[in-house]
Every structure is written in C-alpha cells, then in structure tokens.
Protein backbone atom coordinates (compact mmCIF):
# COMPACT_ATOMS: atom_id res chain seq x y z
CA MET A 1 23.40 11.07 -37.54
CA ILE A 2 24.44 8.47 -35.31
CA PRO A 3 22.77 5.01 -36.11
CA ILE A 4 20.65 3.16 -33.81
CA LYS A 5 22.70 0.06 -33.85
CA TYR A 6 25.31 2.14 -31.75
CA ASN A 7 22.64 2.36 -29.22
CA VAL A 8 21.74 -1.27 -29.45
CA ARG A 9 25.40 -2.32 -28.94
CA ASN A 10 25.70 -0.33 -26.03
CA LEU A 11 22.86 -1.61 -24.46
CA ARG A 12 24.16 -5.16 -25.15
CA VAL A 13 27.57 -4.47 -23.59
CA ARG A 14 26.09 -2.83 -20.34
CA TRP A 15 23.64 -5.87 -20.25
CA LYS A 16 23.53 -5.86 -16.44
CA THR A 17 22.36 -2.46 -15.90
CA THR A 18 20.24 -2.77 -18.84
CA LEU A 19 18.19 -5.47 -17.33
CA MET A 20 17.91 -4.06 -13.94
CA THR A 21 16.70 -1.14 -15.74
CA MET A 22 13.94 -2.98 -17.80
CA ALA A 23 13.03 -4.75 -14.97
CA GLY A 24 12.15 -1.64 -13.01
CA THR A 25 10.26 -0.15 -16.00
CA ALA A 26 8.56 -3.34 -16.55
CA LEU A 27 7.43 -3.50 -12.80
CA LEU A 28 6.03 -0.01 -13.10
CA VAL A 29 4.25 -0.54 -16.15
CA GLY A 30 3.01 -4.10 -14.89
CA SER A 31 1.57 -2.74 -11.31
CA SER A 32 -0.18 0.62 -13.42
CA CYS A 33 -1.92 -2.32 -15.54
CA ILE A 34 -3.20 -4.34 -12.63
CA LEU A 35 -4.14 -1.00 -11.16
CA PHE A 36 -5.99 0.36 -13.98
CA GLY A 37 -7.39 -2.90 -15.16
CA LEU A 38 -8.60 -3.40 -11.73
CA VAL A 39 -10.67 0.16 -11.78
CA ASP A 40 -11.97 -0.65 -15.22
CA GLY A 41 -13.19 -3.87 -14.47
CA LEU A 42 -14.88 -2.75 -11.46
CA GLU A 43 -16.68 0.30 -13.31
CA TYR A 44 -17.65 -2.00 -16.18
CA SER A 45 -19.28 -4.56 -13.94
CA LEU A 46 -21.27 -1.85 -12.63
CA LYS A 47 -22.07 0.12 -15.52
CA VAL A 48 -23.36 -2.52 -17.89
CA SER A 49 -26.96 -2.13 -18.54
CA GLY A 50 -29.34 -4.37 -20.48
CA ASP A 51 -31.27 -1.46 -22.27
CA PRO A 52 -31.45 2.13 -22.31
CA LEU A 53 -35.30 1.90 -21.52
CA ASP A 54 -34.58 -0.34 -18.29
CA ILE A 55 -35.76 1.44 -15.18
CA ILE A 56 -35.01 0.34 -11.30
CA VAL A 57 -37.80 1.29 -8.75
CA LEU A 58 -36.66 1.85 -5.26
CA ARG A 59 -37.97 3.29 -1.99
CA LYS A 60 -37.82 7.11 -2.29
CA GLY A 61 -34.66 8.37 -0.73
CA SER A 62 -32.80 4.95 -1.30
CA SER A 63 -29.56 4.76 -2.99
CA SER A 64 -29.28 1.13 -3.30
CA GLU A 65 -31.35 -2.22 -3.60
CA THR A 66 -30.18 -3.34 0.02
CA SER A 67 -31.61 -0.59 1.37
CA GLY A 68 -34.69 0.30 -1.01
CA GLY A 69 -37.41 -1.98 0.01
CA PHE A 70 -40.93 -0.94 0.00
CA GLU A 71 -44.52 -2.75 0.21
CA ALA A 72 -45.15 -5.69 -2.03
CA ALA A 73 -48.67 -4.34 -2.46
CA LYS A 74 -47.08 -1.15 -4.05
CA ALA A 75 -44.73 -3.15 -6.19
CA ASP A 76 -47.98 -5.14 -7.51
CA GLU A 77 -48.95 -1.70 -8.62
CA VAL A 78 -45.85 -0.66 -10.34
CA LEU A 79 -46.38 -3.97 -12.37
CA ASN A 80 -49.64 -2.67 -13.70
CA VAL A 81 -48.50 0.89 -14.69
CA ASN A 82 -49.27 1.89 -18.44
CA GLY A 83 -46.21 1.69 -20.90
CA ILE A 84 -44.22 -1.22 -19.74
CA ALA A 85 -42.69 -3.42 -22.70
CA ARG A 86 -43.88 -6.81 -23.20
CA ASP A 87 -41.78 -9.74 -24.42
CA GLU A 88 -42.78 -12.30 -27.54
CA GLU A 89 -45.27 -14.01 -25.29
CA GLY A 90 -47.16 -10.97 -24.30
CA LYS A 91 -46.09 -10.81 -20.42
CA PRO A 92 -44.80 -7.55 -19.20
CA LEU A 93 -41.27 -7.07 -19.00
CA ALA A 94 -41.51 -6.31 -15.19
CA ALA A 95 -40.44 -7.97 -12.04
CA LYS A 96 -40.39 -7.65 -8.30
CA GLU A 97 -37.08 -8.59 -6.59
CA LEU A 98 -35.92 -9.14 -3.13
CA LEU A 99 -32.21 -9.10 -2.00
CA ASN A 100 -30.76 -10.60 0.95
CA ILE A 101 -26.98 -10.49 2.06
CA ALA A 102 -25.96 -13.91 3.42
CA ILE A 103 -22.74 -15.21 4.68
CA ALA A 104 -21.16 -18.00 2.37
CA GLU A 105 -18.22 -20.19 2.69
CA ARG A 106 -15.47 -20.17 0.37
CA ASP A 107 -13.74 -23.50 -1.11
CA ASN A 108 -10.69 -22.34 1.16
CA GLY A 109 -12.90 -22.25 4.38
CA THR A 110 -12.96 -18.20 4.56
CA HIS A 111 -16.17 -16.60 4.45
CA ASN A 112 -17.91 -13.51 2.45
CA ASN A 113 -21.01 -11.69 1.72
CA VAL A 114 -23.12 -12.36 -1.05
CA ILE A 115 -26.22 -11.50 -2.64
CA ILE A 116 -29.31 -13.71 -2.87
CA ARG A 117 -31.29 -12.22 -5.58
CA GLY A 118 -35.17 -13.36 -5.29
CA GLY A 119 -36.87 -12.68 -8.84
CA GLN A 120 -39.35 -13.56 -10.93
CA PRO A 121 -39.24 -15.14 -14.66
CA ALA A 122 -39.15 -11.53 -16.21
CA SER A 123 -35.79 -10.84 -14.18
CA ARG A 124 -33.71 -13.10 -16.64
CA LYS A 125 -34.81 -10.91 -19.74
CA LEU A 126 -33.99 -7.77 -18.27
CA ARG A 127 -30.37 -8.87 -17.86
CA PRO A 128 -27.80 -8.30 -20.45
CA ASP A 129 -26.83 -11.54 -22.16
CA PHE A 130 -28.12 -13.60 -19.46
CA ARG A 131 -27.99 -17.24 -20.22
CA ILE A 132 -27.66 -20.74 -18.50
CA VAL A 133 -24.14 -22.02 -19.24
CA ALA A 134 -24.50 -25.40 -17.02
CA GLY A 135 -27.33 -27.23 -15.47
CA ARG A 136 -31.02 -25.72 -15.95
CA ASP A 137 -33.17 -22.66 -14.62
CA LEU A 138 -34.80 -22.81 -11.44
CA VAL A 139 -38.20 -23.85 -10.85
CA GLU A 140 -40.53 -21.46 -8.89
CA GLY A 141 -41.27 -22.87 -5.22
CA ARG A 142 -38.82 -25.59 -5.19
CA GLY A 143 -36.30 -24.25 -3.06
CA GLU A 144 -33.82 -23.85 -5.93
CA CYS A 145 -31.09 -21.54 -7.21
CA ILE A 146 -28.97 -20.69 -10.09
CA VAL A 147 -25.30 -19.51 -9.39
CA SER A 148 -23.23 -17.07 -11.55
CA ARG A 149 -20.18 -18.79 -12.82
CA SER A 150 -17.79 -16.49 -11.25
CA LEU A 151 -19.28 -17.59 -7.94
CA ALA A 152 -19.42 -20.85 -8.53
CA ARG A 153 -15.68 -21.24 -9.10
CA VAL A 154 -14.92 -20.01 -5.63
CA TYR A 155 -17.93 -21.04 -3.05
CA LYS A 156 -18.37 -24.32 -1.37
CA GLY A 157 -21.59 -26.20 -2.68
CA ALA A 158 -22.13 -23.89 -5.44
CA GLN A 159 -21.51 -26.13 -8.20
CA VAL A 160 -24.58 -27.98 -10.06
CA GLY A 161 -26.27 -30.68 -7.99
CA GLY A 162 -24.64 -28.69 -4.55
CA GLN A 163 -26.53 -26.99 -1.75
CA LEU A 164 -26.13 -23.64 -0.30
CA ASN A 165 -26.81 -23.11 3.29
CA PHE A 166 -27.10 -19.88 4.76
CA GLY A 167 -27.97 -19.64 8.44
CA GLU A 168 -30.16 -22.22 9.70
CA LYS A 169 -33.21 -22.04 7.48
CA GLU A 170 -32.24 -20.73 4.34
CA ARG A 171 -31.05 -23.29 2.05
CA TYR A 172 -30.90 -23.59 -1.61
CA GLN A 173 -30.49 -26.35 -4.10
CA VAL A 174 -27.97 -25.57 -6.95
CA VAL A 175 -29.51 -26.60 -10.50
CA GLY A 176 -27.58 -24.04 -12.93
CA ILE A 177 -24.85 -21.93 -13.50
CA PHE A 178 -25.29 -18.70 -15.44
CA THR A 179 -23.61 -15.62 -17.07
CA ALA A 180 -24.84 -12.22 -17.45
CA GLY A 181 -22.57 -10.45 -19.88
CA GLY A 182 -20.01 -9.03 -17.21
CA SER A 183 -22.94 -7.16 -15.51
CA ALA A 184 -23.13 -6.93 -11.81
CA ALA A 185 -25.44 -9.80 -11.88
CA GLU A 186 -22.62 -11.99 -12.05
CA SER A 187 -21.73 -11.23 -8.33
CA GLU A 188 -24.90 -12.92 -7.25
CA ILE A 189 -27.05 -15.80 -6.54
CA TRP A 190 -30.36 -16.06 -7.78
CA ALA A 191 -33.41 -17.96 -6.25
CA ASP A 192 -37.38 -17.54 -6.91
CA LEU A 193 -38.86 -14.66 -5.24
CA LYS A 194 -41.28 -16.71 -2.91
CA ASP A 195 -38.53 -19.03 -1.88
CA VAL A 196 -36.56 -16.24 -0.77
CA GLU A 197 -39.59 -14.27 1.26
CA LYS A 198 -40.24 -17.56 3.10
CA ASN A 199 -36.43 -18.08 3.93
CA THR A 200 -35.79 -14.78 5.22
CA GLY A 201 -39.05 -14.26 6.83
CA ARG A 202 -39.81 -10.86 4.69
CA ASP A 203 -43.06 -11.60 3.13
CA GLY A 204 -45.00 -8.45 1.98
CA SER A 205 -41.90 -6.31 1.02
CA VAL A 206 -39.38 -5.99 -2.01
CA SER A 207 -36.11 -4.72 -2.56
CA CYS A 208 -36.90 -3.07 -6.05
CA VAL A 209 -38.89 -3.40 -9.25
CA GLN A 210 -37.10 -3.99 -12.46
CA LEU A 211 -39.06 -2.94 -15.53
CA ARG A 212 -38.50 -1.99 -19.22
CA ALA A 213 -40.54 0.89 -20.88
CA ALA A 214 -41.91 0.19 -24.45
CA SER A 215 -40.61 3.58 -25.81
CA PRO A 216 -38.70 6.73 -24.90
CA GLU A 217 -41.76 8.48 -24.32
CA ALA A 218 -43.26 5.56 -22.12
CA PHE A 219 -40.13 5.67 -20.11
CA GLU A 220 -40.58 9.60 -19.27
CA ALA A 221 -44.39 8.87 -18.53
CA ILE A 222 -43.66 5.87 -16.18
CA GLN A 223 -40.64 7.40 -14.38
CA LYS A 224 -43.17 10.95 -13.96
CA THR A 225 -45.90 8.48 -12.58
CA LEU A 226 -43.94 6.77 -10.09
CA THR A 227 -42.00 9.65 -8.53
CA GLU A 228 -44.53 12.49 -8.55
CA ASP A 229 -47.95 10.47 -8.28
CA SER A 230 -49.30 10.44 -4.62
CA GLN A 231 -50.15 6.58 -5.22
CA PHE A 232 -46.55 5.76 -5.56
CA LYS A 233 -44.02 8.48 -4.45
CA LEU A 234 -40.96 6.08 -5.15
CA ALA A 235 -37.51 6.73 -6.75
CA ALA A 236 -37.38 5.48 -10.38
CA MET A 237 -34.28 5.80 -12.37
CA PRO A 238 -32.65 4.81 -15.50
CA GLU A 239 -30.76 1.36 -14.49
CA SER A 240 -27.78 2.79 -16.07
CA THR A 241 -27.80 6.10 -13.84
CA TYR A 242 -28.15 3.75 -10.84
CA TYR A 243 -25.41 1.79 -11.42
CA GLU A 244 -22.90 4.59 -12.33
CA THR A 245 -23.68 5.62 -9.18
CA GLN A 246 -22.74 2.43 -7.42
CA ALA A 247 -19.20 2.87 -9.67
CA ARG A 248 -18.35 5.84 -7.75
CA SER A 249 -17.17 3.26 -5.06
CA SER A 250 -14.13 2.73 -7.71
CA LEU A 251 -13.18 6.46 -7.41
CA PHE A 252 -10.93 5.61 -4.42
CA LEU A 253 -9.28 2.92 -6.42
CA LYS A 254 -8.65 5.27 -9.40
CA VAL A 255 -7.32 8.32 -7.66
CA ALA A 256 -5.08 5.87 -5.26
CA GLY A 257 -4.01 3.95 -8.34
CA SER A 258 -3.03 7.22 -10.33
CA LEU A 259 -1.14 8.53 -7.05
CA ILE A 260 0.73 5.16 -6.92
CA ALA A 261 1.24 5.20 -10.78
CA VAL A 262 2.96 8.67 -10.43
CA LEU A 263 5.39 7.69 -7.98
CA LEU A 264 6.45 4.71 -9.41
CA THR A 265 6.97 6.70 -12.69
CA PHE A 266 9.16 9.27 -10.83
CA GLY A 267 11.27 6.20 -9.44
CA ALA A 268 11.55 4.73 -12.68
CA MET A 269 12.69 7.89 -14.03
CA PHE A 270 15.56 8.37 -11.44
CA ALA A 271 16.62 4.49 -12.52
CA ALA A 272 16.52 5.39 -16.12
CA ALA A 273 18.50 8.62 -15.48
CA ASN A 274 21.12 6.75 -13.20
CA THR A 275 21.76 4.45 -15.82
CA MET A 276 22.15 7.00 -18.44
CA PHE A 277 24.46 9.15 -16.31
CA ALA A 278 26.57 5.99 -15.65
CA ALA A 279 26.76 5.28 -19.47
CA VAL A 280 27.74 9.07 -20.02
CA LYS A 281 30.59 8.67 -17.66
CA SER A 282 31.70 5.60 -18.90
CA ARG A 283 31.53 6.67 -22.58
CA THR A 284 33.30 10.14 -22.17
CA ARG A 285 35.85 9.40 -24.84
CA GLU A 286 33.17 7.73 -26.95
CA ILE A 287 31.64 11.12 -26.94
CA GLY A 288 34.81 12.99 -27.71
CA THR A 289 35.45 10.90 -30.69
CA MET A 290 32.06 11.20 -31.90
CA ARG A 291 32.29 15.09 -31.80
CA ALA A 292 35.78 14.89 -33.40
CA LEU A 293 34.48 12.83 -36.29
CA GLY A 294 32.16 15.72 -37.05
CA PHE A 295 28.92 14.48 -35.17
CA SER A 296 27.08 17.61 -33.93
CA GLN A 297 26.04 18.31 -30.28
CA TRP A 298 22.30 17.58 -31.46
CA ASP A 299 23.31 14.12 -33.02
CA VAL A 300 24.83 13.46 -29.75
CA LEU A 301 21.92 14.30 -27.70
CA LEU A 302 19.48 12.60 -29.93
CA CYS A 303 21.66 9.40 -29.36
CA PHE A 304 21.34 9.41 -25.70
CA MET A 305 17.86 10.54 -25.57
CA GLY A 306 17.48 7.48 -28.03
CA GLU A 307 19.05 5.27 -26.16
CA SER A 308 17.04 6.04 -23.01
CA LEU A 309 13.67 5.89 -24.99
CA LEU A 310 14.61 2.54 -26.43
CA LEU A 311 15.71 1.10 -22.79
CA CYS A 312 12.46 2.21 -21.14
CA THR A 313 10.30 1.25 -24.13
CA LEU A 314 11.65 -2.36 -23.79
CA GLY A 315 10.87 -2.43 -20.13
CA GLY A 316 7.36 -1.18 -21.02
CA LEU A 317 6.71 -3.98 -23.63
CA LEU A 318 8.23 -6.28 -21.16
CA GLY A 319 5.65 -5.08 -18.45
CA LEU A 320 2.75 -5.36 -20.63
CA LEU A 321 3.59 -8.90 -21.86
CA LEU A 322 3.78 -9.94 -18.32
CA THR A 323 0.17 -8.73 -17.37
CA LEU A 324 -1.44 -10.37 -20.23
CA PRO A 325 -2.05 -13.57 -18.61
CA LEU A 326 -4.26 -11.60 -16.24
CA ASN A 327 -6.51 -10.29 -18.69
CA LEU A 328 -10.25 -11.64 -18.06
CA LEU A 329 -8.90 -13.13 -14.64
CA THR A 330 -11.93 -13.16 -12.38
CA ILE A 331 -11.35 -11.84 -8.81
CA GLU A 332 -13.32 -11.26 -5.69
CA THR A 333 -13.35 -7.94 -3.78
CA SER A 334 -15.95 -5.77 -1.66
CA ASN A 335 -18.61 -3.42 -3.01
CA PHE A 336 -18.54 -0.70 -0.42
CA SER A 337 -22.19 0.45 -1.31
CA THR A 338 -23.85 -2.89 -0.50
CA PHE A 339 -21.48 -4.52 1.71
CA SER A 340 -21.12 -7.53 -0.23
CA SER A 341 -18.50 -9.47 -2.67
CA VAL A 342 -18.70 -8.25 -6.18
CA SER A 343 -16.65 -10.27 -9.09
CA ILE A 344 -14.10 -8.13 -11.20
CA THR A 345 -12.65 -9.29 -14.38
CA PHE A 346 -9.46 -7.13 -15.31
CA ARG A 347 -9.76 -5.48 -18.50
CA PHE A 348 -6.78 -4.52 -20.16
CA GLY A 349 -7.76 -2.65 -22.98
CA TRP A 350 -6.43 -0.13 -25.47
CA PHE A 351 -6.77 2.67 -22.93
CA VAL A 352 -4.94 0.95 -20.08
CA ALA A 353 -2.15 -0.15 -22.65
CA ALA A 354 -1.76 3.25 -23.98
CA VAL A 355 -1.51 5.11 -20.48
CA ALA A 356 1.26 2.43 -19.89
CA MET A 357 3.36 3.08 -22.74
CA THR A 358 2.79 6.92 -22.22
CA MET A 359 4.28 6.66 -18.83
CA THR A 360 7.00 4.46 -20.41
CA ILE A 361 7.83 7.35 -22.96
CA ALA A 362 7.93 9.92 -20.15
CA MET A 363 10.31 7.84 -17.96
CA GLY A 364 12.36 7.78 -21.38
CA LEU A 365 12.49 11.20 -22.24
CA PHE A 366 12.65 12.75 -18.43
CA GLY A 367 15.23 10.32 -17.27
CA GLY A 368 17.53 10.64 -20.43
CA ILE A 369 17.40 14.51 -20.75
CA LEU A 370 19.61 15.52 -18.24
CA PRO A 371 22.24 12.59 -18.84
CA ALA A 372 22.13 13.76 -22.53
CA LEU A 373 22.80 17.24 -21.76
CA ARG A 374 25.57 16.39 -19.70
CA ALA A 375 27.09 14.52 -22.79
CA VAL A 376 26.84 17.27 -25.24
CA ARG A 377 28.28 19.97 -22.77
CA GLN A 378 31.40 18.23 -22.59
CA GLU A 379 34.56 19.87 -24.55
CA VAL A 380 35.92 17.48 -27.26
CA ILE A 381 39.51 17.94 -26.08
CA SER A 382 38.74 17.23 -22.60
CA ALA A 383 36.64 14.20 -23.36
CA LEU A 384 39.19 12.67 -25.73
CA ARG A 385 41.68 12.85 -22.68
CA GLU A 386 39.48 11.31 -20.27
CA LEU A 387 40.84 7.89 -19.24
C-alpha cells in the first residue's frame, strides 16, 4: 500500500492548486454552516418552552398572539378555572397579556417592528430561565419597561435609564435588561399590562392568557373546558405546540439552505475533480513507476482517492474553524407570522458540523473517483514513456 506521506508530499508540491481547492471547500462548508446554524437558531428560539404543562389561550381560530385578542372579562374567567398551578406564595401561575407591535429605531438610524408585551407578575414565572441581568424589574403602573438583552444592544434608548418612544403617546422608561434562556421572549420589550392598555387605547381586551396546569390530568381538563365549554369557546393549546407552529416559518430557510448547499457541493466536487485530474495528468510517469514497482491498481486507486479525501477534509476543517467565531452571534431577522423582528442566535452544534463534514467527505469521494479510475486504467509502459 502506498504510504500517506506520499499524498501529503504531493499536496505540498502543488501548493497553489491545493490552497485554491481548500479555499473552495472551506467556502462551501462555511456557507452551509451559516445557513443551517441560522435555521437551528430560529427553530430553537421558537420551540423553547418553559414547562410541558404550559398552556396558551387565544381567540378561537387564531394562529398567533398578535391576532388572537378576546375580551378581558373572559380572560378574567380563564384565570379562575380549576387546575391552575400555584407558585410558592400560593398565587396562580396565570397571566393576561396584551401585545402591541410598534416601530422602534435602531442605533444606526434604521427602523423595525418590535413586540411590546404587556404582562402581569406571573408572566415572568411562566418563561424559561427568565432573569434580570441589569437594572431591576418594572413596577406596575409607572410606565416602566424591561428590554431583552439582544434588543438592548441594537435599539436606541433601550439601555437601562433610557426612554423608548413609540409614536406620540407610547413611552416607557427602561429600568432593566432581561434574558429568557434563548426563548422567543428575548425578541420582546416587556411592560405592565395596564400601561400597555392605556398607551394603546385597548382597554377591555387581551391578546392571550398564559397559564400552567397543576398536573397532566389538570392540563387535559383545562384544555377541554376552555375549548368546549360554551362559557369560553377559546383556543387552548400547549405552548410547545404553539411555538412549533410559529417555527414553520423557518421551513423556507431550511429548504433554501439545503438546495444552496447541494448546489455548492456539486460545484466543489467539480473543483476537486479538476484538481485531481490535473494531478493525474502531471504524474503519469509516477503512476507508471508505482505500477512497475509492484503496486497494484487497487493501491493506486486508494492513493488518489485518499489524496482527494485529504484535500477536501482539510478544506472542510478550515471552513468549520472560520465559522466558530459566529457561534452564539445574535442577529435580527423578521418573523413572518407576527411581522415583527426576532432575535436569532446562531447555533453550530454537532449536527451542523456532522452535516458539513459529510458534505466534505462526499466531495472528496465523488470528486476523486473519476481521476482515480483514470489513473489505474493507464498502461504501465505507456505511462513510463510519458514526457
């Protein structure tokens, strides 16, 4: 069998074509990682749920909180249904919430839609890993708000001590910065329910009710009561199901990303094949010499296939290294379900890395197979006579 150091030496000798092929492979792997990392980040932010017993209550027929409003009086009745879990103080883990989409100004002068969520004290306890990381929590009825850390970094006046102005009447004093374990709440601004009602002129209505059932049995009973009882006739669904529905907006990105990755893979395969064809042509006499020394056609085939795999693997590893600094980078994009901005954190997990390296190996195999077959089919005497 031909030693691997022979392949390494040849890659070093042809360092220009080696670097160009590695750069192309790295570009493919890096682009694929960015696309799939973006999709994974979007799905993660929309699927994170605080508890499997959490229920979100909307108007019947509504598919999102921004279009799911119903009467506040009916929401008060929802808060009193049997089976709702209670906190350590004995208060029910249920909250009325009112959402408003407002136009906010970024630090760079551009504008975007953001969600302002008017909630109640229990709203915090119903969010996964909710905690104040700077400043303090808001006080009800004082026109205060808290801002997610990702939004505070990019929006004007969103830091502690700043003031957020939306239109002529809606103003909030920023008193704290929060995180919520990477959930969808990290794309929102939170204020007191009554303040949002007053500022938006929407007294008497809510967007949704968030609650937590005391047990799986209570979960089913609450869901049945809210959906079937003539007193309510509302849509009550597990919070995880609701966010999975919202996450379908990432399907386009996933399909588009997969198609782009496939096209890029084919392009990189041709680049690898071109490099290996050039290597075979320039090393015809070497191939003849190896055959004359007793190396079999199988040895020569493995040699060139191994060289192609090594070349693409090095490029793939380079692409992964180049994308590592983007891991946990947060960007803003649009949620087409709510027509508001959503903060997405790139997530390059083992799955993304495995997909990228699988593509790299495929490039090496399919890009090297034809040149390798050409190498082994050469007649020994003809190869030795090649100038």
